[in-house]
């Protein structure tokens, strides 16, 4: 049998959307040995990352991968306000491993995209009362009536004390 080493990578995020800044995205990197010999020394390189901050270090098992087996590496990212402004985080990575002949193997790049936006309103929460508008017009009318009544009382009081 001729040795034919190879690896593939599928990168995923634990969610497609996060509500806003301060949310944690858990990334998984599934590295599959697509060859017919075991490989070792799996590592992940970030090829492109549009997040405003940095992901945690990628954690990969330090075990060899048998042919057709998969290991899962992980990393996390906590979103920032700049990510909310950008609207999406695109994260592209590439896996590498070492063949039995000490050759470095590279996977094709794999990406995960997460949409970032402000939290949607909770439909179960009560709607806040509006301020201004037609609800306050009656108060303006009432204030004018009191002002007019006060003016009339002042005139009557003046007349009464002026004559007496």
N, C-alpha and C. Protein backbone atom coordinates (compact mmCIF):
# COMPACT_ATOMS: atom_id res chain seq x y z
N UNK A 1 0.85 -1.18 0.00
CA UNK A 1 0.00 0.00 0.00
C UNK A 1 0.90 1.24 0.00
N UNK A 2 0.56 2.17 -0.86
CA UNK A 2 1.28 3.43 -0.95
C UNK A 2 0.66 4.42 0.03
N UNK A 3 1.50 5.09 0.83
CA UNK A 3 1.00 6.09 1.77
C UNK A 3 0.42 7.27 1.00
N UNK A 4 -0.79 7.66 1.39
CA UNK A 4 -1.48 8.78 0.75
C UNK A 4 -2.11 9.65 1.84
N UNK A 5 -1.30 10.48 2.52
CA UNK A 5 -1.83 11.28 3.63
C UNK A 5 -2.66 12.46 3.13
N UNK A 6 -3.59 12.88 3.97
CA UNK A 6 -4.40 14.07 3.66
C UNK A 6 -5.28 14.44 4.83
N UNK A 7 -5.63 15.72 4.89
CA UNK A 7 -6.54 16.20 5.95
C UNK A 7 -7.54 17.17 5.35
N UNK A 8 -8.68 17.29 6.03
CA UNK A 8 -9.69 18.30 5.67
C UNK A 8 -10.12 19.02 6.93
N UNK A 9 -10.69 20.19 6.75
CA UNK A 9 -11.14 21.01 7.89
C UNK A 9 -12.55 21.52 7.64
N UNK A 10 -13.39 21.42 8.67
CA UNK A 10 -14.71 22.05 8.66
C UNK A 10 -14.78 22.92 9.91
N UNK A 11 -14.85 24.22 9.68
CA UNK A 11 -14.93 25.18 10.79
C UNK A 11 -16.39 25.58 10.99
N UNK A 12 -16.84 25.61 12.24
CA UNK A 12 -18.22 26.02 12.55
C UNK A 12 -18.21 26.94 13.77
N UNK A 13 -19.27 27.72 13.88
CA UNK A 13 -19.53 28.54 15.06
C UNK A 13 -20.77 27.97 15.74
N UNK A 14 -20.86 28.10 17.05
CA UNK A 14 -21.99 27.51 17.78
C UNK A 14 -23.30 28.26 17.56
N UNK A 15 -23.26 29.38 16.86
CA UNK A 15 -24.48 30.14 16.57
C UNK A 15 -24.27 30.94 15.29
N UNK A 16 -25.34 31.24 14.61
CA UNK A 16 -25.28 32.02 13.37
C UNK A 16 -25.40 33.51 13.66
N UNK A 17 -25.99 33.85 14.81
CA UNK A 17 -26.23 35.25 15.16
C UNK A 17 -25.98 35.45 16.65
N UNK A 18 -25.38 36.58 16.99
CA UNK A 18 -25.27 36.98 18.40
C UNK A 18 -25.94 38.34 18.55
N UNK A 19 -26.43 38.60 19.75
CA UNK A 19 -27.23 39.80 19.99
C UNK A 19 -26.42 41.09 19.97
N UNK A 20 -25.18 41.06 20.38
CA UNK A 20 -24.41 42.30 20.44
C UNK A 20 -23.08 42.09 21.11
N UNK A 21 -22.51 43.17 21.61
CA UNK A 21 -21.20 43.13 22.26
C UNK A 21 -21.27 42.31 23.54
N UNK A 22 -20.17 41.64 23.86
CA UNK A 22 -20.07 40.86 25.10
C UNK A 22 -20.54 39.43 24.97
N UNK A 23 -20.96 39.00 23.80
CA UNK A 23 -21.42 37.63 23.58
C UNK A 23 -20.22 36.75 23.22
N UNK A 24 -20.23 35.50 23.65
CA UNK A 24 -19.14 34.57 23.34
C UNK A 24 -19.55 33.65 22.21
N UNK A 25 -18.68 33.54 21.22
CA UNK A 25 -18.85 32.62 20.11
C UNK A 25 -17.86 31.48 20.32
N UNK A 26 -18.36 30.24 20.29
CA UNK A 26 -17.51 29.06 20.43
C UNK A 26 -17.27 28.49 19.04
N UNK A 27 -16.02 28.49 18.60
CA UNK A 27 -15.66 27.94 17.30
C UNK A 27 -15.16 26.51 17.46
N UNK A 28 -15.56 25.65 16.51
CA UNK A 28 -15.07 24.27 16.45
C UNK A 28 -14.38 24.07 15.12
N UNK A 29 -13.29 23.33 15.15
CA UNK A 29 -12.50 23.02 13.96
C UNK A 29 -12.42 21.50 13.86
N UNK A 30 -13.22 20.90 13.01
CA UNK A 30 -13.21 19.44 12.85
C UNK A 30 -12.17 19.08 11.78
N UNK A 31 -11.09 18.44 12.23
CA UNK A 31 -10.00 18.04 11.33
C UNK A 31 -10.13 16.54 11.09
N UNK A 32 -10.33 16.16 9.83
CA UNK A 32 -10.50 14.76 9.46
C UNK A 32 -9.28 14.28 8.68
N UNK A 33 -8.79 13.10 9.04
CA UNK A 33 -7.71 12.47 8.30
C UNK A 33 -8.34 11.79 7.09
N UNK A 34 -8.16 12.39 5.93
CA UNK A 34 -8.76 11.86 4.70
C UNK A 34 -7.83 10.86 4.00
N UNK A 35 -6.64 10.66 4.56
CA UNK A 35 -5.67 9.76 3.94
C UNK A 35 -5.78 8.34 4.45
N UNK A 36 -4.76 7.53 4.08
CA UNK A 36 -4.75 6.12 4.47
C UNK A 36 -3.66 5.80 5.49
N UNK A 37 -3.02 6.83 6.07
CA UNK A 37 -2.03 6.66 7.13
C UNK A 37 -2.32 7.65 8.25
N UNK A 38 -1.89 7.32 9.46
CA UNK A 38 -2.11 8.22 10.58
C UNK A 38 -1.28 9.49 10.42
N UNK A 39 -1.81 10.60 10.95
CA UNK A 39 -1.10 11.87 10.98
C UNK A 39 -1.07 12.36 12.42
N UNK A 40 -0.16 13.28 12.72
CA UNK A 40 -0.05 13.82 14.08
C UNK A 40 0.27 15.32 14.01
N UNK A 41 0.35 15.95 15.18
CA UNK A 41 0.73 17.36 15.25
C UNK A 41 -0.28 18.30 14.61
N UNK A 42 -1.55 18.03 14.84
CA UNK A 42 -2.59 18.88 14.26
C UNK A 42 -2.53 20.27 14.86
N UNK A 43 -2.61 21.28 13.99
CA UNK A 43 -2.68 22.66 14.45
C UNK A 43 -3.60 23.44 13.52
N UNK A 44 -4.08 24.57 14.03
CA UNK A 44 -5.00 25.43 13.28
C UNK A 44 -4.37 26.81 13.15
N UNK A 45 -4.44 27.35 11.95
CA UNK A 45 -3.98 28.72 11.70
C UNK A 45 -5.15 29.56 11.25
N UNK A 46 -5.30 30.74 11.84
CA UNK A 46 -6.33 31.67 11.38
C UNK A 46 -5.82 32.33 10.11
N UNK A 47 -6.50 32.11 9.01
CA UNK A 47 -6.11 32.69 7.73
C UNK A 47 -6.63 34.12 7.62
N UNK A 48 -7.88 34.32 8.05
CA UNK A 48 -8.50 35.65 8.02
C UNK A 48 -9.51 35.71 9.15
N UNK A 49 -9.54 36.85 9.85
CA UNK A 49 -10.50 37.05 10.94
C UNK A 49 -10.91 38.50 10.94
N UNK A 50 -12.21 38.75 10.78
CA UNK A 50 -12.70 40.13 10.70
C UNK A 50 -13.14 40.69 12.05
N UNK A 51 -13.05 39.90 13.12
CA UNK A 51 -13.43 40.39 14.44
C UNK A 51 -12.52 41.52 14.90
N UNK A 52 -13.06 42.38 15.75
CA UNK A 52 -12.30 43.53 16.23
C UNK A 52 -11.26 43.15 17.29
N UNK A 53 -11.46 42.01 17.93
CA UNK A 53 -10.52 41.54 18.95
C UNK A 53 -9.77 40.32 18.46
N UNK A 54 -9.40 39.46 19.39
CA UNK A 54 -8.67 38.24 19.05
C UNK A 54 -9.37 37.03 19.67
N UNK A 55 -9.28 35.91 18.99
CA UNK A 55 -9.83 34.68 19.56
C UNK A 55 -8.87 34.15 20.62
N UNK A 56 -9.38 33.26 21.45
CA UNK A 56 -8.48 32.56 22.37
C UNK A 56 -7.58 31.65 21.55
N UNK A 57 -6.52 31.14 22.16
CA UNK A 57 -5.65 30.20 21.46
C UNK A 57 -6.46 28.95 21.11
N UNK A 58 -6.22 28.42 19.92
CA UNK A 58 -6.92 27.22 19.49
C UNK A 58 -6.36 26.03 20.26
N UNK A 59 -7.27 25.24 20.83
CA UNK A 59 -6.89 24.07 21.62
C UNK A 59 -7.18 22.81 20.80
N UNK A 60 -6.12 22.05 20.49
CA UNK A 60 -6.26 20.81 19.72
C UNK A 60 -5.74 19.64 20.54
N UNK A 61 -6.41 18.48 20.44
CA UNK A 61 -5.88 17.28 21.11
C UNK A 61 -4.51 16.93 20.53
N UNK A 62 -3.63 16.46 21.38
CA UNK A 62 -2.26 16.13 20.95
C UNK A 62 -2.14 14.66 20.59
N UNK A 63 -3.20 14.08 20.07
CA UNK A 63 -3.18 12.66 19.72
C UNK A 63 -3.10 12.48 18.21
N UNK A 64 -2.49 11.38 17.76
CA UNK A 64 -2.48 11.10 16.31
C UNK A 64 -3.91 10.85 15.82
N UNK A 65 -4.12 11.10 14.54
CA UNK A 65 -5.44 10.86 13.94
C UNK A 65 -5.30 9.68 12.98
N UNK A 66 -6.05 8.64 13.26
CA UNK A 66 -6.06 7.46 12.39
C UNK A 66 -6.79 7.81 11.08
N UNK A 67 -6.54 7.04 10.03
CA UNK A 67 -7.24 7.29 8.77
C UNK A 67 -8.77 7.32 8.95
N UNK A 68 -9.40 8.33 8.38
CA UNK A 68 -10.84 8.56 8.40
C UNK A 68 -11.39 9.00 9.76
N UNK A 69 -10.54 9.20 10.75
CA UNK A 69 -10.98 9.70 12.05
C UNK A 69 -10.93 11.23 12.05
N UNK A 70 -11.62 11.81 13.04
CA UNK A 70 -11.71 13.27 13.17
C UNK A 70 -11.38 13.68 14.59
N UNK A 71 -10.64 14.76 14.72
CA UNK A 71 -10.45 15.40 16.03
C UNK A 71 -11.06 16.80 15.94
N UNK A 72 -11.50 17.31 17.08
CA UNK A 72 -12.11 18.63 17.11
C UNK A 72 -11.27 19.56 17.98
N UNK A 73 -10.85 20.65 17.38
CA UNK A 73 -10.13 21.71 18.09
C UNK A 73 -11.14 22.82 18.40
N UNK A 74 -10.85 23.65 19.39
CA UNK A 74 -11.81 24.69 19.79
C UNK A 74 -11.11 26.01 20.08
N UNK A 75 -11.87 27.08 19.94
CA UNK A 75 -11.43 28.43 20.32
C UNK A 75 -12.68 29.26 20.58
N UNK A 76 -12.53 30.34 21.34
CA UNK A 76 -13.66 31.22 21.66
C UNK A 76 -13.33 32.65 21.24
N UNK A 77 -14.39 33.42 21.06
CA UNK A 77 -14.24 34.85 20.78
C UNK A 77 -15.37 35.59 21.48
N UNK A 78 -15.02 36.68 22.15
CA UNK A 78 -16.01 37.54 22.82
C UNK A 78 -16.19 38.79 21.96
N UNK A 79 -17.44 39.03 21.54
CA UNK A 79 -17.72 40.13 20.61
C UNK A 79 -17.53 41.49 21.27
N UNK A 80 -17.16 42.47 20.44
CA UNK A 80 -16.93 43.84 20.88
C UNK A 80 -17.93 44.77 20.18
N UNK A 81 -18.04 46.00 20.65
CA UNK A 81 -18.95 46.97 20.04
C UNK A 81 -18.60 47.19 18.57
N UNK A 82 -17.33 47.18 18.23
CA UNK A 82 -16.91 47.36 16.83
C UNK A 82 -17.46 46.23 15.95
N UNK A 83 -17.63 45.04 16.52
CA UNK A 83 -18.22 43.92 15.75
C UNK A 83 -19.69 44.21 15.45
N UNK A 84 -20.39 44.83 16.41
CA UNK A 84 -21.79 45.20 16.21
C UNK A 84 -21.88 46.20 15.06
N UNK A 85 -20.98 47.17 15.06
CA UNK A 85 -20.97 48.17 13.99
C UNK A 85 -20.68 47.53 12.64
N UNK A 86 -19.79 46.54 12.61
CA UNK A 86 -19.45 45.86 11.35
C UNK A 86 -20.59 44.98 10.87
N UNK A 87 -21.35 44.39 11.80
CA UNK A 87 -22.51 43.57 11.44
C UNK A 87 -22.24 42.09 11.24
N UNK A 88 -21.02 41.71 10.90
CA UNK A 88 -20.69 40.29 10.74
C UNK A 88 -19.25 40.05 11.18
N UNK A 89 -19.01 38.80 11.59
CA UNK A 89 -17.65 38.35 11.87
C UNK A 89 -17.41 37.15 10.97
N UNK A 90 -16.38 37.26 10.14
CA UNK A 90 -16.01 36.15 9.26
C UNK A 90 -14.68 35.61 9.75
N UNK A 91 -14.63 34.31 9.99
CA UNK A 91 -13.44 33.68 10.52
C UNK A 91 -13.06 32.52 9.61
N UNK A 92 -11.89 32.60 9.01
CA UNK A 92 -11.40 31.57 8.10
C UNK A 92 -10.13 30.97 8.68
N UNK A 93 -10.06 29.64 8.67
CA UNK A 93 -8.90 28.95 9.23
C UNK A 93 -8.43 27.86 8.27
N UNK A 94 -7.23 27.35 8.57
CA UNK A 94 -6.65 26.25 7.80
C UNK A 94 -5.99 25.31 8.79
N UNK A 95 -6.12 24.01 8.57
CA UNK A 95 -5.51 23.02 9.45
C UNK A 95 -4.22 22.52 8.83
N UNK A 96 -3.31 22.11 9.70
CA UNK A 96 -2.10 21.45 9.24
C UNK A 96 -1.81 20.26 10.15
N UNK A 97 -1.09 19.30 9.62
CA UNK A 97 -0.70 18.11 10.37
C UNK A 97 0.59 17.58 9.75
N UNK A 98 1.20 16.63 10.44
CA UNK A 98 2.46 16.04 9.99
C UNK A 98 2.20 14.60 9.58
N UNK A 99 2.68 14.24 8.40
CA UNK A 99 2.52 12.86 7.89
C UNK A 99 3.60 11.97 8.50
N UNK A 100 3.49 10.62 8.32
CA UNK A 100 4.54 9.73 8.82
C UNK A 100 5.91 10.01 8.19
N UNK A 101 5.93 10.60 7.00
CA UNK A 101 7.19 10.93 6.33
C UNK A 101 7.68 12.32 6.74
N UNK A 102 7.09 12.91 7.79
CA UNK A 102 7.41 14.25 8.30
C UNK A 102 7.13 15.37 7.31
N UNK A 103 6.18 15.14 6.41
CA UNK A 103 5.74 16.19 5.48
C UNK A 103 4.60 16.96 6.14
N UNK A 104 4.58 18.27 5.94
CA UNK A 104 3.50 19.09 6.48
C UNK A 104 2.32 19.05 5.51
N UNK A 105 1.18 18.69 6.04
CA UNK A 105 -0.06 18.64 5.25
C UNK A 105 -0.88 19.88 5.55
N UNK A 106 -1.56 20.41 4.56
CA UNK A 106 -2.43 21.59 4.72
C UNK A 106 -3.82 21.24 4.22
N UNK A 107 -4.81 21.67 4.98
CA UNK A 107 -6.20 21.53 4.50
C UNK A 107 -6.56 22.73 3.64
N UNK A 108 -7.66 22.64 2.94
CA UNK A 108 -8.23 23.82 2.30
C UNK A 108 -8.77 24.71 3.41
N UNK A 109 -8.85 26.02 3.18
CA UNK A 109 -9.44 26.90 4.19
C UNK A 109 -10.93 26.60 4.40
N UNK A 110 -11.40 26.87 5.60
CA UNK A 110 -12.81 26.72 5.94
C UNK A 110 -13.23 27.94 6.75
N UNK A 111 -14.45 28.45 6.50
CA UNK A 111 -14.92 29.69 7.14
C UNK A 111 -16.20 29.48 7.92
N UNK A 112 -16.39 30.33 8.90
CA UNK A 112 -17.65 30.44 9.64
C UNK A 112 -18.00 31.92 9.73
N UNK A 113 -19.28 32.24 9.46
CA UNK A 113 -19.74 33.62 9.51
C UNK A 113 -20.82 33.76 10.57
N UNK A 114 -20.68 34.78 11.41
CA UNK A 114 -21.66 35.06 12.47
C UNK A 114 -22.16 36.49 12.28
N UNK A 115 -23.46 36.66 12.28
CA UNK A 115 -24.07 37.99 12.20
C UNK A 115 -24.14 38.57 13.60
N UNK A 116 -23.74 39.84 13.72
CA UNK A 116 -23.74 40.51 15.02
C UNK A 116 -24.65 41.73 14.94
N UNK A 117 -25.59 41.86 15.88
CA UNK A 117 -26.48 43.00 15.88
C UNK A 117 -27.03 43.27 17.24
N UNK A 118 -27.66 44.42 17.40
CA UNK A 118 -28.25 44.72 18.71
C UNK A 118 -29.35 43.72 19.02
N UNK A 119 -29.56 43.53 20.28
CA UNK A 119 -30.57 42.57 20.72
C UNK A 119 -31.95 42.97 20.23
N UNK A 120 -32.69 41.99 19.77
CA UNK A 120 -34.07 42.24 19.35
C UNK A 120 -34.92 42.45 20.59
N UNK A 121 -35.96 43.26 20.51
CA UNK A 121 -36.81 43.46 21.70
C UNK A 121 -37.51 42.17 22.08
N UNK A 122 -37.66 41.99 23.37
CA UNK A 122 -38.35 40.81 23.89
C UNK A 122 -39.85 41.02 23.73
N UNK A 123 -40.51 40.16 22.92
CA UNK A 123 -41.95 40.36 22.70
C UNK A 123 -42.79 40.20 23.96
N UNK A 124 -42.26 39.55 24.98
CA UNK A 124 -43.04 39.37 26.20
C UNK A 124 -42.90 40.55 27.16
N UNK A 125 -41.96 41.46 26.90
CA UNK A 125 -41.80 42.59 27.81
C UNK A 125 -42.83 43.68 27.48
N UNK A 126 -43.30 44.40 28.49
CA UNK A 126 -44.30 45.43 28.24
C UNK A 126 -43.73 46.59 27.43
N UNK A 127 -44.57 47.21 26.65
CA UNK A 127 -44.17 48.37 25.86
C UNK A 127 -44.18 49.59 26.76
N UNK A 128 -43.14 50.39 26.66
CA UNK A 128 -43.07 51.60 27.47
C UNK A 128 -44.11 52.63 27.00
N UNK A 129 -44.63 53.40 27.94
CA UNK A 129 -45.59 54.45 27.59
C UNK A 129 -44.90 55.52 26.77
N UNK A 130 -45.64 56.09 25.84
CA UNK A 130 -45.06 57.16 25.03
C UNK A 130 -45.05 58.45 25.84
N UNK A 131 -44.10 59.31 25.53
CA UNK A 131 -44.05 60.61 26.18
C UNK A 131 -44.32 61.66 25.13
N UNK A 132 -45.00 62.71 25.52
CA UNK A 132 -45.37 63.75 24.56
C UNK A 132 -46.59 63.34 23.78
N UNK A 133 -46.83 64.00 22.70
CA UNK A 133 -47.94 63.63 21.82
C UNK A 133 -49.30 63.92 22.42
N UNK A 134 -50.35 63.28 21.90
CA UNK A 134 -51.73 63.59 22.29
C UNK A 134 -52.05 63.32 23.75
N UNK A 135 -51.28 62.46 24.44
CA UNK A 135 -51.59 62.16 25.83
C UNK A 135 -51.36 63.37 26.74
N UNK A 136 -50.55 64.33 26.33
CA UNK A 136 -50.26 65.48 27.18
C UNK A 136 -51.05 66.73 26.79
N UNK A 137 -51.84 66.67 25.74
CA UNK A 137 -52.61 67.84 25.31
C UNK A 137 -53.62 68.27 26.37
N UNK A 138 -54.24 67.32 27.03
CA UNK A 138 -55.23 67.67 28.05
C UNK A 138 -54.58 68.44 29.20
N UNK A 139 -53.29 68.12 29.47
CA UNK A 139 -52.61 68.85 30.54
C UNK A 139 -52.38 70.31 30.14
N UNK A 140 -52.08 70.55 28.88
CA UNK A 140 -51.88 71.93 28.40
C UNK A 140 -53.19 72.71 28.47
N UNK A 141 -54.29 72.08 28.08
CA UNK A 141 -55.61 72.73 28.14
C UNK A 141 -55.96 73.04 29.60
N UNK A 142 -55.72 72.08 30.48
CA UNK A 142 -56.01 72.27 31.90
C UNK A 142 -55.16 73.41 32.48
N UNK A 143 -53.91 73.49 32.10
CA UNK A 143 -53.04 74.57 32.57
C UNK A 143 -53.56 75.93 32.12
N UNK A 144 -54.02 76.01 30.87
CA UNK A 144 -54.58 77.27 30.37
C UNK A 144 -55.85 77.65 31.12
N UNK A 145 -56.69 76.68 31.42
CA UNK A 145 -57.92 76.95 32.18
C UNK A 145 -57.60 77.48 33.57
N UNK A 146 -56.61 76.84 34.25
CA UNK A 146 -56.22 77.32 35.58
C UNK A 146 -55.63 78.72 35.51
N UNK A 147 -54.85 79.00 34.50
CA UNK A 147 -54.26 80.34 34.35
C UNK A 147 -55.37 81.38 34.14
N UNK A 148 -56.35 81.02 33.30
CA UNK A 148 -57.46 81.95 33.05
C UNK A 148 -58.27 82.15 34.32
N UNK A 149 -58.54 81.06 35.03
CA UNK A 149 -59.32 81.16 36.27
C UNK A 149 -58.56 82.00 37.30
N UNK A 150 -57.24 81.82 37.37
CA UNK A 150 -56.43 82.61 38.30
C UNK A 150 -56.48 84.08 37.95
N UNK A 151 -56.46 84.40 36.65
CA UNK A 151 -56.53 85.79 36.21
C UNK A 151 -57.86 86.41 36.59
N UNK A 152 -58.95 85.65 36.40
CA UNK A 152 -60.28 86.15 36.75
C UNK A 152 -60.36 86.39 38.26
N UNK A 153 -59.87 85.45 39.06
CA UNK A 153 -59.90 85.63 40.51
C UNK A 153 -59.09 86.84 40.95
N UNK A 154 -57.98 87.05 40.29
CA UNK A 154 -57.15 88.20 40.64
C UNK A 154 -57.89 89.51 40.33
N UNK A 155 -58.57 89.59 39.20
CA UNK A 155 -59.34 90.79 38.85
C UNK A 155 -60.48 91.01 39.85
N UNK A 156 -61.17 89.93 40.19
CA UNK A 156 -62.27 90.06 41.14
C UNK A 156 -61.77 90.51 42.51
N UNK A 157 -60.66 89.97 42.93
CA UNK A 157 -60.10 90.34 44.23
C UNK A 157 -59.67 91.79 44.22
N UNK A 158 -59.10 92.26 43.16
CA UNK A 158 -58.67 93.66 43.05
C UNK A 158 -59.87 94.59 43.12
N UNK A 159 -60.89 94.22 42.42
CA UNK A 159 -62.09 95.07 42.40
C UNK A 159 -62.70 95.13 43.79
N UNK A 160 -62.71 93.97 44.47
CA UNK A 160 -63.34 93.95 45.78
C UNK A 160 -62.55 94.80 46.77
N UNK A 161 -61.22 94.69 46.77
CA UNK A 161 -60.44 95.47 47.70
C UNK A 161 -60.30 96.92 47.26
N UNK A 162 -60.41 97.17 45.97
CA UNK A 162 -60.32 98.52 45.46
C UNK A 162 -61.53 99.37 45.86
N UNK A 163 -62.70 98.75 46.00
CA UNK A 163 -63.93 99.49 46.34
C UNK A 163 -64.09 99.65 47.84
N UNK A 164 -63.59 98.74 48.56
CA UNK A 164 -63.95 98.70 49.94
C UNK A 164 -63.24 99.48 50.87
